[in-house]
């Protein structure tokens, strides 16, 4: 059965879609079958994939109502994907798709920049996941905070790991702010495989596999 990875953050502009697409690309480079489902009405992931240059499928998978039958159908489609890993790009608003992603995921990646608002958004998202686990009486989904769009030339960028660690959840290796990342997605591709950014996404993939208990 596929491992389900959600990408969720109530604060926008933290690189959620960028992380999802490049993580899926890295998993595909490793020979894993990765699928990305775009549950965000903004459809950034699906739009980037339209050029057909990605090595894995991306499709829209919206859920705009909390009707029980619609949610159940959405969950069946996620679980029915023929893949090793299913990544879900959840919308920022805490609506039906946000809640369903948390409910079905094995692991939720919570991207966060170094700003106060980014960290507050991460804390809010983590709080929502913890409340879900308490109500569901289980320890899933696991949480991995991903420092995103980090500029190490700034004080906040240098201190971000310690700042996010204070949220008392595991923190992944940081993804740096680089123009190459934005440029690659603008052309419908992931980062070049021999680039410094690719090395960072490879380290993130390693951390994700560890959290999921998957050995390559």
N, C-alpha and C. Protein backbone atom coordinates (compact mmCIF):
# COMPACT_ATOMS: atom_id res chain seq x y z
N UNK A 1 0.85 -1.20 0.00
CA UNK A 1 0.00 0.00 0.00
C UNK A 1 0.88 1.25 0.00
N UNK A 2 0.44 2.26 -0.74
CA UNK A 2 1.22 3.49 -0.86
C UNK A 2 1.33 4.21 0.47
N UNK A 3 2.46 4.83 0.69
CA UNK A 3 2.63 5.75 1.82
C UNK A 3 2.07 7.11 1.38
N UNK A 4 1.29 7.72 2.25
CA UNK A 4 0.63 8.99 1.91
C UNK A 4 1.30 10.12 2.67
N UNK A 5 1.76 11.11 1.91
CA UNK A 5 2.47 12.27 2.46
C UNK A 5 1.65 13.51 2.18
N UNK A 6 1.18 14.17 3.22
CA UNK A 6 0.47 15.43 3.05
C UNK A 6 1.42 16.61 3.17
N UNK A 7 1.11 17.67 2.47
CA UNK A 7 1.84 18.93 2.60
C UNK A 7 0.83 19.98 3.01
N UNK A 8 0.99 20.51 4.21
CA UNK A 8 -0.03 21.39 4.76
C UNK A 8 0.59 22.54 5.54
N UNK A 9 0.00 23.71 5.36
CA UNK A 9 0.38 24.91 6.13
C UNK A 9 -0.74 25.91 5.98
N UNK A 10 -1.18 26.49 7.08
CA UNK A 10 -2.24 27.49 7.00
C UNK A 10 -1.73 28.81 6.44
N UNK A 11 -0.43 29.04 6.51
CA UNK A 11 0.18 30.26 5.97
C UNK A 11 0.65 29.97 4.54
N UNK A 12 0.26 30.81 3.61
CA UNK A 12 0.68 30.64 2.23
C UNK A 12 2.09 31.18 1.99
N UNK A 13 2.61 30.88 0.81
CA UNK A 13 3.90 31.42 0.40
C UNK A 13 5.10 30.82 1.08
N UNK A 14 4.96 29.58 1.58
CA UNK A 14 6.08 28.95 2.29
C UNK A 14 6.75 27.86 1.46
N UNK A 15 6.36 27.72 0.19
CA UNK A 15 7.02 26.75 -0.67
C UNK A 15 6.43 25.36 -0.61
N UNK A 16 5.18 25.26 -0.21
CA UNK A 16 4.55 23.94 -0.05
C UNK A 16 4.53 23.15 -1.37
N UNK A 17 4.07 23.79 -2.43
CA UNK A 17 4.00 23.11 -3.73
C UNK A 17 5.39 22.81 -4.27
N UNK A 18 6.31 23.75 -4.11
CA UNK A 18 7.69 23.54 -4.56
C UNK A 18 8.31 22.34 -3.88
N UNK A 19 8.12 22.23 -2.59
CA UNK A 19 8.67 21.10 -1.85
C UNK A 19 8.03 19.80 -2.31
N UNK A 20 6.71 19.81 -2.48
CA UNK A 20 6.03 18.59 -2.91
C UNK A 20 6.51 18.09 -4.26
N UNK A 21 6.61 18.99 -5.23
CA UNK A 21 7.01 18.60 -6.57
C UNK A 21 8.46 18.10 -6.60
N UNK A 22 9.33 18.79 -5.91
CA UNK A 22 10.74 18.38 -5.94
C UNK A 22 10.99 17.13 -5.10
N UNK A 23 10.22 16.93 -4.04
CA UNK A 23 10.34 15.69 -3.28
C UNK A 23 9.86 14.51 -4.14
N UNK A 24 8.74 14.70 -4.84
CA UNK A 24 8.26 13.64 -5.73
C UNK A 24 9.27 13.35 -6.83
N UNK A 25 9.91 14.39 -7.36
CA UNK A 25 10.93 14.21 -8.40
C UNK A 25 12.12 13.41 -7.87
N UNK A 26 12.52 13.70 -6.63
CA UNK A 26 13.64 12.98 -6.03
C UNK A 26 13.27 11.51 -5.80
N UNK A 27 12.07 11.26 -5.33
CA UNK A 27 11.63 9.88 -5.14
C UNK A 27 11.59 9.13 -6.47
N UNK A 28 11.13 9.82 -7.51
CA UNK A 28 11.09 9.19 -8.84
C UNK A 28 12.50 8.88 -9.34
N UNK A 29 13.46 9.78 -9.07
CA UNK A 29 14.85 9.53 -9.47
C UNK A 29 15.41 8.30 -8.79
N UNK A 30 14.88 7.99 -7.62
CA UNK A 30 15.34 6.82 -6.87
C UNK A 30 14.60 5.54 -7.28
N UNK A 31 13.78 5.64 -8.30
CA UNK A 31 13.07 4.47 -8.79
C UNK A 31 11.76 4.19 -8.09
N UNK A 32 11.30 5.13 -7.28
CA UNK A 32 10.02 4.96 -6.58
C UNK A 32 8.88 5.49 -7.46
N UNK A 33 7.73 4.87 -7.35
CA UNK A 33 6.55 5.37 -8.07
C UNK A 33 5.89 6.45 -7.21
N UNK A 34 6.01 7.68 -7.65
CA UNK A 34 5.45 8.81 -6.91
C UNK A 34 4.32 9.44 -7.71
N UNK A 35 3.28 9.83 -7.00
CA UNK A 35 2.13 10.51 -7.59
C UNK A 35 1.85 11.73 -6.74
N UNK A 36 1.53 12.86 -7.38
CA UNK A 36 1.15 14.05 -6.61
C UNK A 36 -0.28 14.41 -6.94
N UNK A 37 -1.09 14.61 -5.91
CA UNK A 37 -2.47 15.02 -6.05
C UNK A 37 -2.61 16.45 -5.58
N UNK A 38 -3.15 17.29 -6.43
CA UNK A 38 -3.30 18.71 -6.12
C UNK A 38 -4.70 18.96 -5.58
N UNK A 39 -4.79 19.09 -4.26
CA UNK A 39 -6.08 19.32 -3.61
C UNK A 39 -6.34 20.80 -3.35
N UNK A 40 -5.44 21.65 -3.83
CA UNK A 40 -5.55 23.09 -3.62
C UNK A 40 -6.27 23.73 -4.81
N UNK A 41 -7.38 24.44 -4.58
CA UNK A 41 -8.09 25.08 -5.70
C UNK A 41 -7.21 26.02 -6.52
N UNK A 42 -6.14 26.54 -5.94
CA UNK A 42 -5.23 27.39 -6.71
C UNK A 42 -4.54 26.62 -7.83
N UNK A 43 -4.43 25.30 -7.68
CA UNK A 43 -3.96 24.39 -8.73
C UNK A 43 -2.56 24.70 -9.24
N UNK A 44 -1.67 25.17 -8.37
CA UNK A 44 -0.31 25.48 -8.81
C UNK A 44 0.43 24.23 -9.27
N UNK A 45 0.32 23.15 -8.53
CA UNK A 45 1.04 21.93 -8.90
C UNK A 45 0.54 21.39 -10.23
N UNK A 46 -0.77 21.33 -10.40
CA UNK A 46 -1.33 20.82 -11.65
C UNK A 46 -0.94 21.71 -12.83
N UNK A 47 -0.87 23.01 -12.62
CA UNK A 47 -0.49 23.93 -13.70
C UNK A 47 0.96 23.72 -14.12
N UNK A 48 1.84 23.55 -13.14
CA UNK A 48 3.26 23.33 -13.44
C UNK A 48 3.45 22.04 -14.24
N UNK A 49 2.62 21.04 -13.94
CA UNK A 49 2.76 19.73 -14.60
C UNK A 49 2.20 19.70 -16.01
N UNK A 50 1.50 20.75 -16.43
CA UNK A 50 0.83 20.73 -17.73
C UNK A 50 1.80 20.55 -18.90
N UNK A 51 3.04 21.00 -18.76
CA UNK A 51 4.01 20.87 -19.85
C UNK A 51 4.48 19.43 -20.05
N UNK A 52 4.19 18.56 -19.09
CA UNK A 52 4.54 17.17 -19.24
C UNK A 52 6.01 16.85 -19.08
N UNK A 53 6.75 17.71 -18.39
CA UNK A 53 8.19 17.49 -18.23
C UNK A 53 8.56 16.79 -16.93
N UNK A 54 7.59 16.60 -16.07
CA UNK A 54 7.86 15.93 -14.80
C UNK A 54 7.87 14.42 -14.99
N UNK A 55 8.66 13.75 -14.17
CA UNK A 55 8.83 12.30 -14.31
C UNK A 55 7.80 11.52 -13.50
N UNK A 56 6.74 12.17 -13.10
CA UNK A 56 5.71 11.53 -12.28
C UNK A 56 4.39 12.23 -12.57
N UNK A 57 3.27 11.57 -12.36
CA UNK A 57 1.97 12.19 -12.66
C UNK A 57 1.51 13.15 -11.57
N UNK A 58 0.87 14.21 -12.01
CA UNK A 58 0.23 15.19 -11.11
C UNK A 58 -1.19 15.40 -11.62
N UNK A 59 -2.14 15.34 -10.71
CA UNK A 59 -3.52 15.56 -11.13
C UNK A 59 -4.29 16.32 -10.05
N UNK A 60 -5.31 17.05 -10.49
CA UNK A 60 -6.17 17.76 -9.55
C UNK A 60 -7.01 16.76 -8.77
N UNK A 61 -7.19 17.02 -7.49
CA UNK A 61 -7.98 16.12 -6.65
C UNK A 61 -8.65 16.96 -5.57
N UNK A 62 -9.63 17.75 -6.00
CA UNK A 62 -10.27 18.71 -5.11
C UNK A 62 -11.32 18.05 -4.23
N UNK A 63 -11.52 18.65 -3.08
CA UNK A 63 -12.58 18.26 -2.16
C UNK A 63 -13.10 19.54 -1.53
N UNK A 64 -14.24 20.00 -2.03
CA UNK A 64 -14.74 21.31 -1.63
C UNK A 64 -15.98 21.23 -0.75
N UNK A 65 -16.27 20.04 -0.26
CA UNK A 65 -17.42 19.85 0.64
C UNK A 65 -17.07 18.79 1.65
N UNK A 66 -17.60 18.92 2.87
CA UNK A 66 -17.35 17.92 3.90
C UNK A 66 -18.48 16.89 3.96
N UNK A 67 -19.25 16.79 2.89
CA UNK A 67 -20.27 15.75 2.79
C UNK A 67 -19.60 14.38 2.94
N UNK A 68 -20.16 13.52 3.78
CA UNK A 68 -19.52 12.26 4.11
C UNK A 68 -19.25 11.40 2.87
N UNK A 69 -20.19 11.35 1.95
CA UNK A 69 -20.02 10.53 0.75
C UNK A 69 -18.91 11.07 -0.14
N UNK A 70 -18.84 12.38 -0.26
CA UNK A 70 -17.79 12.99 -1.08
C UNK A 70 -16.41 12.76 -0.45
N UNK A 71 -16.33 12.90 0.87
CA UNK A 71 -15.07 12.67 1.55
C UNK A 71 -14.64 11.22 1.39
N UNK A 72 -15.57 10.29 1.55
CA UNK A 72 -15.25 8.87 1.42
C UNK A 72 -14.76 8.55 0.01
N UNK A 73 -15.39 9.14 -1.00
CA UNK A 73 -14.95 8.93 -2.37
C UNK A 73 -13.57 9.50 -2.62
N UNK A 74 -13.31 10.67 -2.06
CA UNK A 74 -11.99 11.31 -2.18
C UNK A 74 -10.91 10.43 -1.56
N UNK A 75 -11.21 9.88 -0.38
CA UNK A 75 -10.25 9.02 0.31
C UNK A 75 -10.00 7.74 -0.50
N UNK A 76 -11.05 7.15 -1.06
CA UNK A 76 -10.88 5.94 -1.86
C UNK A 76 -9.96 6.19 -3.05
N UNK A 77 -10.13 7.33 -3.69
CA UNK A 77 -9.29 7.65 -4.84
C UNK A 77 -7.83 7.84 -4.44
N UNK A 78 -7.60 8.46 -3.29
CA UNK A 78 -6.22 8.62 -2.81
C UNK A 78 -5.61 7.25 -2.55
N UNK A 79 -6.31 6.44 -1.82
CA UNK A 79 -5.79 5.11 -1.46
C UNK A 79 -5.69 4.17 -2.65
N UNK A 80 -6.43 4.46 -3.71
CA UNK A 80 -6.42 3.61 -4.88
C UNK A 80 -5.33 3.93 -5.88
N UNK A 81 -4.51 4.92 -5.61
CA UNK A 81 -3.44 5.28 -6.53
C UNK A 81 -2.42 4.14 -6.63
N UNK A 82 -1.99 3.85 -7.84
CA UNK A 82 -0.97 2.82 -8.05
C UNK A 82 0.40 3.48 -7.93
N UNK A 83 0.90 3.52 -6.71
CA UNK A 83 2.14 4.24 -6.44
C UNK A 83 2.75 3.74 -5.15
N UNK A 84 4.04 4.05 -4.98
CA UNK A 84 4.70 3.78 -3.71
C UNK A 84 4.46 4.92 -2.73
N UNK A 85 4.39 6.15 -3.29
CA UNK A 85 4.18 7.34 -2.48
C UNK A 85 3.14 8.23 -3.15
N UNK A 86 2.16 8.66 -2.38
CA UNK A 86 1.17 9.63 -2.85
C UNK A 86 1.36 10.91 -2.05
N UNK A 87 1.67 11.99 -2.74
CA UNK A 87 1.84 13.28 -2.09
C UNK A 87 0.60 14.12 -2.35
N UNK A 88 0.05 14.72 -1.31
CA UNK A 88 -1.15 15.55 -1.43
C UNK A 88 -0.80 16.99 -1.10
N UNK A 89 -0.99 17.88 -2.06
CA UNK A 89 -0.78 19.31 -1.85
C UNK A 89 -2.09 19.88 -1.32
N UNK A 90 -2.19 20.03 -0.01
CA UNK A 90 -3.43 20.47 0.62
C UNK A 90 -3.60 21.98 0.50
N UNK A 91 -4.84 22.46 0.44
CA UNK A 91 -5.07 23.90 0.41
C UNK A 91 -4.69 24.53 1.74
N UNK A 92 -4.40 25.83 1.70
CA UNK A 92 -4.02 26.53 2.92
C UNK A 92 -5.17 26.71 3.88
N UNK A 93 -6.36 26.92 3.35
CA UNK A 93 -7.53 27.12 4.22
C UNK A 93 -7.91 25.80 4.88
N UNK A 94 -8.33 25.89 6.14
CA UNK A 94 -8.66 24.67 6.87
C UNK A 94 -10.08 24.22 6.55
N UNK A 95 -10.25 23.75 5.32
CA UNK A 95 -11.53 23.24 4.87
C UNK A 95 -11.53 21.73 4.78
N UNK A 96 -12.41 21.20 3.93
CA UNK A 96 -12.59 19.76 3.84
C UNK A 96 -11.32 19.04 3.39
N UNK A 97 -10.65 19.56 2.36
CA UNK A 97 -9.45 18.88 1.83
C UNK A 97 -8.29 18.94 2.83
N UNK A 98 -8.18 20.05 3.53
CA UNK A 98 -7.15 20.19 4.56
C UNK A 98 -7.35 19.12 5.63
N UNK A 99 -8.57 19.01 6.13
CA UNK A 99 -8.86 18.04 7.18
C UNK A 99 -8.73 16.61 6.69
N UNK A 100 -9.17 16.34 5.47
CA UNK A 100 -9.09 14.98 4.94
C UNK A 100 -7.64 14.57 4.71
N UNK A 101 -6.81 15.51 4.29
CA UNK A 101 -5.39 15.20 4.09
C UNK A 101 -4.75 14.79 5.40
N UNK A 102 -5.02 15.54 6.45
CA UNK A 102 -4.47 15.20 7.77
C UNK A 102 -5.00 13.83 8.23
N UNK A 103 -6.26 13.56 7.97
CA UNK A 103 -6.87 12.32 8.45
C UNK A 103 -6.29 11.09 7.76
N UNK A 104 -5.90 11.22 6.49
CA UNK A 104 -5.49 10.06 5.71
C UNK A 104 -3.98 9.89 5.64
N UNK A 105 -3.22 10.93 5.93
CA UNK A 105 -1.77 10.90 5.73
C UNK A 105 -1.05 10.04 6.76
N UNK A 106 0.03 9.41 6.30
CA UNK A 106 0.96 8.75 7.21
C UNK A 106 1.94 9.78 7.80
N UNK A 107 2.25 10.78 6.99
CA UNK A 107 3.20 11.83 7.38
C UNK A 107 2.74 13.14 6.81
N UNK A 108 2.75 14.20 7.60
CA UNK A 108 2.44 15.54 7.10
C UNK A 108 3.70 16.39 7.16
N UNK A 109 4.10 16.92 6.02
CA UNK A 109 5.19 17.88 5.97
C UNK A 109 4.61 19.27 6.18
N UNK A 110 5.20 20.00 7.10
CA UNK A 110 4.74 21.36 7.42
C UNK A 110 5.86 22.33 7.06
N UNK A 111 5.83 22.91 5.86
CA UNK A 111 6.88 23.86 5.49
C UNK A 111 6.75 25.16 6.28
N UNK A 112 7.89 25.77 6.56
CA UNK A 112 7.87 27.06 7.25
C UNK A 112 9.09 27.87 6.88
N UNK A 113 8.86 29.12 6.55
CA UNK A 113 9.96 30.05 6.40
C UNK A 113 10.43 30.53 7.76
N UNK A 114 11.29 31.55 7.74
CA UNK A 114 11.90 32.02 8.98
C UNK A 114 11.15 33.19 9.62
N UNK A 115 10.12 33.72 8.94
CA UNK A 115 9.44 34.88 9.50
C UNK A 115 8.53 34.48 10.65
N UNK A 116 8.16 35.45 11.45
CA UNK A 116 7.27 35.20 12.58
C UNK A 116 5.94 34.65 12.11
N UNK A 117 5.39 35.19 11.02
CA UNK A 117 4.10 34.73 10.51
C UNK A 117 4.20 33.30 9.99
N UNK A 118 5.32 32.95 9.34
CA UNK A 118 5.50 31.57 8.86
C UNK A 118 5.51 30.60 10.03
N UNK A 119 6.26 30.94 11.08
CA UNK A 119 6.36 30.05 12.24
C UNK A 119 5.01 29.95 12.95
N UNK A 120 4.27 31.04 13.02
CA UNK A 120 2.94 30.98 13.62
C UNK A 120 2.03 30.07 12.83
N UNK A 121 2.12 30.15 11.49
CA UNK A 121 1.32 29.26 10.65
C UNK A 121 1.69 27.81 10.88
N UNK A 122 2.99 27.53 11.00
CA UNK A 122 3.43 26.16 11.28
C UNK A 122 2.88 25.68 12.62
N UNK A 123 2.95 26.54 13.62
CA UNK A 123 2.44 26.18 14.95
C UNK A 123 0.94 25.89 14.90
N UNK A 124 0.20 26.71 14.15
CA UNK A 124 -1.24 26.51 14.02
C UNK A 124 -1.53 25.17 13.33
N UNK A 125 -0.79 24.89 12.26
CA UNK A 125 -0.98 23.63 11.54
C UNK A 125 -0.67 22.43 12.43
N UNK A 126 0.44 22.51 13.14
CA UNK A 126 0.81 21.42 14.05
C UNK A 126 -0.24 21.22 15.14
N UNK A 127 -0.76 22.32 15.65
CA UNK A 127 -1.81 22.22 16.65
C UNK A 127 -3.05 21.51 16.12
N UNK A 128 -3.41 21.79 14.88
CA UNK A 128 -4.56 21.13 14.25
C UNK A 128 -4.31 19.63 14.12
N UNK A 129 -3.10 19.25 13.70
CA UNK A 129 -2.77 17.83 13.56
C UNK A 129 -2.81 17.13 14.92
N UNK A 130 -2.27 17.78 15.92
CA UNK A 130 -2.27 17.17 17.25
C UNK A 130 -3.70 16.98 17.77
N UNK A 131 -4.56 17.95 17.51
CA UNK A 131 -5.96 17.81 17.95
C UNK A 131 -6.63 16.65 17.22
N UNK A 132 -6.32 16.51 15.93
CA UNK A 132 -6.88 15.38 15.18
C UNK A 132 -6.42 14.06 15.78
N UNK A 133 -5.14 13.96 16.09
CA UNK A 133 -4.62 12.71 16.66
C UNK A 133 -5.30 12.40 18.00
N UNK A 134 -5.53 13.44 18.79
CA UNK A 134 -6.16 13.23 20.10
C UNK A 134 -7.59 12.72 19.94
N UNK A 135 -8.34 13.35 19.02
CA UNK A 135 -9.73 12.94 18.80
C UNK A 135 -9.78 11.53 18.22
N UNK A 136 -8.88 11.24 17.27
CA UNK A 136 -8.86 9.93 16.62
C UNK A 136 -8.23 8.85 17.50
N UNK A 137 -7.60 9.26 18.59
CA UNK A 137 -6.94 8.34 19.52
C UNK A 137 -5.90 7.47 18.81
N UNK A 138 -5.04 8.15 18.07
CA UNK A 138 -3.95 7.46 17.38
C UNK A 138 -2.76 8.39 17.26
N UNK A 139 -1.61 7.84 16.87
CA UNK A 139 -0.40 8.65 16.80
C UNK A 139 -0.07 9.06 15.37
N UNK A 140 -1.01 8.94 14.47
CA UNK A 140 -0.82 9.34 13.09
C UNK A 140 -1.76 10.49 12.76
N UNK A 141 -1.33 11.37 11.85
CA UNK A 141 -0.09 11.32 11.07
C UNK A 141 1.12 11.79 11.85
N UNK A 142 2.28 11.30 11.42
CA UNK A 142 3.53 11.83 11.91
C UNK A 142 3.72 13.23 11.34
N UNK A 143 4.58 14.01 11.96
CA UNK A 143 4.82 15.40 11.54
C UNK A 143 6.30 15.59 11.28
N UNK A 144 6.61 16.29 10.19
CA UNK A 144 7.99 16.69 9.91
C UNK A 144 7.96 18.14 9.44
N UNK A 145 8.57 19.03 10.22
CA UNK A 145 8.65 20.45 9.84
C UNK A 145 9.77 20.62 8.82
N UNK A 146 9.50 21.37 7.77
CA UNK A 146 10.50 21.57 6.71
C UNK A 146 10.86 23.05 6.63
N UNK A 147 12.04 23.46 7.09
CA UNK A 147 12.48 24.85 6.90
C UNK A 147 12.57 25.14 5.41
N UNK A 148 11.89 26.17 4.96
CA UNK A 148 11.71 26.39 3.53
C UNK A 148 12.05 27.83 3.14
N UNK A 149 12.62 27.97 1.94
CA UNK A 149 12.97 29.31 1.42
C UNK A 149 13.87 30.05 2.42
N UNK A 150 14.88 29.35 2.92
CA UNK A 150 15.72 29.89 3.98
C UNK A 150 16.91 30.64 3.40
N UNK A 151 17.11 31.86 3.86
CA UNK A 151 18.26 32.68 3.48
C UNK A 151 19.22 32.72 4.68
N UNK A 152 20.30 31.98 4.59
CA UNK A 152 21.22 31.87 5.72
C UNK A 152 22.05 33.13 5.94
N UNK A 153 21.91 34.11 5.06
CA UNK A 153 22.63 35.38 5.26
C UNK A 153 21.95 36.24 6.32
N UNK A 154 20.71 35.91 6.66
CA UNK A 154 19.98 36.69 7.65
C UNK A 154 20.04 36.00 9.01
N UNK A 155 19.85 36.80 10.06
CA UNK A 155 19.86 36.23 11.40
C UNK A 155 18.74 35.22 11.58
N UNK A 156 17.54 35.55 11.08
CA UNK A 156 16.42 34.63 11.20
C UNK A 156 16.70 33.34 10.46
N UNK A 157 17.35 33.45 9.29
CA UNK A 157 17.68 32.26 8.51
C UNK A 157 18.67 31.36 9.23
N UNK A 158 19.63 31.97 9.90
CA UNK A 158 20.63 31.17 10.63
C UNK A 158 20.03 30.52 11.86
N UNK A 159 19.01 31.14 12.44
CA UNK A 159 18.43 30.64 13.69
C UNK A 159 17.18 29.78 13.47
N UNK A 160 16.79 29.58 12.20
CA UNK A 160 15.47 28.99 11.94
C UNK A 160 15.34 27.57 12.48
N UNK A 161 16.40 26.78 12.42
CA UNK A 161 16.29 25.40 12.89
C UNK A 161 15.93 25.37 14.38
N UNK A 162 16.63 26.20 15.17
CA UNK A 162 16.34 26.25 16.60
C UNK A 162 14.93 26.81 16.85
N UNK A 163 14.52 27.79 16.05
CA UNK A 163 13.19 28.38 16.20
C UNK A 163 12.12 27.34 15.96
N UNK A 164 12.27 26.57 14.89
CA UNK A 164 11.26 25.57 14.56
C UNK A 164 11.33 24.37 15.51
N UNK A 165 12.51 24.04 15.99
CA UNK A 165 12.65 22.93 16.93
C UNK A 165 11.86 23.21 18.21
N UNK A 166 11.66 24.49 18.52
CA UNK A 166 10.89 24.84 19.72
C UNK A 166 9.42 24.42 19.61
N UNK A 167 8.98 24.08 18.40
CA UNK A 167 7.61 23.58 18.22
C UNK A 167 7.50 22.11 18.62
N UNK A 168 8.61 21.51 19.02
CA UNK A 168 8.71 20.16 19.58
C UNK A 168 8.23 19.07 18.63
N UNK A 169 8.54 19.24 17.36
CA UNK A 169 8.35 18.19 16.37
C UNK A 169 9.65 18.06 15.58
N UNK A 170 9.90 16.92 14.94
CA UNK A 170 11.13 16.76 14.17
C UNK A 170 11.25 17.81 13.07
N UNK A 171 12.48 18.27 12.84
CA UNK A 171 12.75 19.29 11.82
C UNK A 171 13.66 18.69 10.76
N UNK A 172 13.27 18.81 9.52
CA UNK A 172 14.02 18.27 8.39
C UNK A 172 15.19 19.18 8.02
N UNK A 173 16.12 18.70 7.21
CA UNK A 173 17.16 19.59 6.67
C UNK A 173 16.50 20.73 5.88
N UNK A 174 17.11 21.90 5.95
CA UNK A 174 16.51 23.10 5.36
C UNK A 174 16.60 23.11 3.84
N UNK A 175 15.60 23.74 3.22
CA UNK A 175 15.60 24.01 1.79
C UNK A 175 15.91 25.50 1.63
N UNK A 176 17.02 25.81 0.98
CA UNK A 176 17.47 27.20 0.86
C UNK A 176 16.69 27.96 -0.21
N UNK A 177 16.66 29.26 -0.04
CA UNK A 177 16.06 30.13 -1.05
C UNK A 177 17.06 30.30 -2.20
N UNK A 178 16.72 29.80 -3.36
CA UNK A 178 17.57 29.95 -4.55
C UNK A 178 16.70 30.23 -5.76
N UNK A 179 17.18 31.13 -6.62
CA UNK A 179 16.43 31.45 -7.83
C UNK A 179 16.28 30.23 -8.72
N UNK A 180 17.24 29.30 -8.67
CA UNK A 180 17.19 28.12 -9.53
C UNK A 180 15.95 27.28 -9.27
N UNK A 181 15.48 27.28 -8.02
CA UNK A 181 14.29 26.49 -7.69
C UNK A 181 13.07 27.07 -8.39
N UNK A 182 12.89 28.38 -8.28
CA UNK A 182 11.75 29.03 -8.93
C UNK A 182 11.85 28.93 -10.45
N UNK A 183 13.06 29.08 -10.98
CA UNK A 183 13.25 29.02 -12.43
C UNK A 183 12.90 27.65 -12.98
N UNK A 184 13.27 26.60 -12.26
CA UNK A 184 13.00 25.25 -12.75
C UNK A 184 11.50 24.97 -12.80
N UNK A 185 10.78 25.38 -11.77
CA UNK A 185 9.35 25.14 -11.75
C UNK A 185 8.63 25.98 -12.80
N UNK A 186 9.16 27.16 -13.09
CA UNK A 186 8.57 27.99 -14.13
C UNK A 186 8.64 27.30 -15.49
N UNK A 187 9.63 26.43 -15.67
CA UNK A 187 9.77 25.70 -16.93
C UNK A 187 9.12 24.32 -16.86
N UNK A 188 8.42 24.05 -15.76
CA UNK A 188 7.71 22.79 -15.63
C UNK A 188 8.57 21.61 -15.26
N UNK A 189 9.70 21.86 -14.63
CA UNK A 189 10.62 20.79 -14.25
C UNK A 189 11.03 20.95 -12.79
N UNK A 190 11.62 19.89 -12.22
CA UNK A 190 12.22 19.98 -10.91
C UNK A 190 13.59 20.61 -11.03
N UNK A 191 14.28 20.73 -9.91
CA UNK A 191 15.62 21.32 -9.93
C UNK A 191 16.59 20.39 -10.66
N UNK A 192 17.65 20.94 -11.28
CA UNK A 192 18.64 20.10 -11.95
C UNK A 192 19.24 19.09 -10.97
N UNK A 193 19.39 17.83 -11.39
CA UNK A 193 19.82 16.78 -10.45
C UNK A 193 21.20 16.96 -9.86
N UNK A 194 22.06 17.76 -10.51
CA UNK A 194 23.42 17.95 -10.00
C UNK A 194 23.60 19.29 -9.29
N UNK A 195 22.49 19.93 -8.91
CA UNK A 195 22.55 21.26 -8.31
C UNK A 195 22.57 21.19 -6.79
N UNK A 196 23.01 22.28 -6.11
CA UNK A 196 22.94 22.31 -4.65
C UNK A 196 21.52 22.11 -4.12
N UNK A 197 20.54 22.63 -4.85
CA UNK A 197 19.14 22.45 -4.41
C UNK A 197 18.73 20.99 -4.48
N UNK A 198 19.18 20.27 -5.50
CA UNK A 198 18.87 18.85 -5.60
C UNK A 198 19.44 18.08 -4.41
N UNK A 199 20.63 18.48 -3.97
CA UNK A 199 21.22 17.83 -2.80
C UNK A 199 20.36 18.06 -1.56
N UNK A 200 19.78 19.26 -1.44
CA UNK A 200 18.91 19.55 -0.30
C UNK A 200 17.63 18.73 -0.36
N UNK A 201 17.06 18.59 -1.54
CA UNK A 201 15.84 17.79 -1.66
C UNK A 201 16.14 16.31 -1.46
N UNK A 202 17.34 15.89 -1.81
CA UNK A 202 17.74 14.51 -1.54
C UNK A 202 17.83 14.27 -0.03
N UNK A 203 18.39 15.23 0.69
CA UNK A 203 18.46 15.12 2.15
C UNK A 203 17.06 15.11 2.76
N UNK A 204 16.16 15.91 2.19
CA UNK A 204 14.77 15.90 2.67
C UNK A 204 14.14 14.54 2.44
N UNK A 205 14.37 13.97 1.25
CA UNK A 205 13.82 12.65 0.95
C UNK A 205 14.34 11.61 1.94
N UNK A 206 15.61 11.69 2.27
CA UNK A 206 16.17 10.77 3.27
C UNK A 206 15.42 10.90 4.59
N UNK A 207 15.18 12.14 5.02
CA UNK A 207 14.49 12.37 6.29
C UNK A 207 13.06 11.85 6.24
N UNK A 208 12.39 12.04 5.10
CA UNK A 208 11.02 11.56 4.94
C UNK A 208 10.97 10.04 5.03
N UNK A 209 11.89 9.37 4.35
CA UNK A 209 11.90 7.90 4.37
C UNK A 209 12.16 7.37 5.78
N UNK A 210 13.02 8.06 6.53
CA UNK A 210 13.27 7.66 7.91
C UNK A 210 12.01 7.78 8.74
N UNK A 211 11.30 8.90 8.61
CA UNK A 211 10.07 9.09 9.38
C UNK A 211 9.01 8.04 9.02
N UNK A 212 9.00 7.64 7.75
CA UNK A 212 8.02 6.67 7.29
C UNK A 212 8.45 5.23 7.56
N UNK A 213 9.70 5.05 8.00
CA UNK A 213 10.20 3.71 8.26
C UNK A 213 10.39 2.90 7.01
N UNK A 214 10.76 3.60 5.92
CA UNK A 214 10.94 2.93 4.62
C UNK A 214 12.42 2.81 4.34
N UNK A 215 12.85 1.63 3.96
CA UNK A 215 14.25 1.42 3.56
C UNK A 215 14.29 1.25 2.05
N UNK A 216 15.30 1.85 1.42
CA UNK A 216 15.41 1.77 -0.03
C UNK A 216 16.12 0.48 -0.45
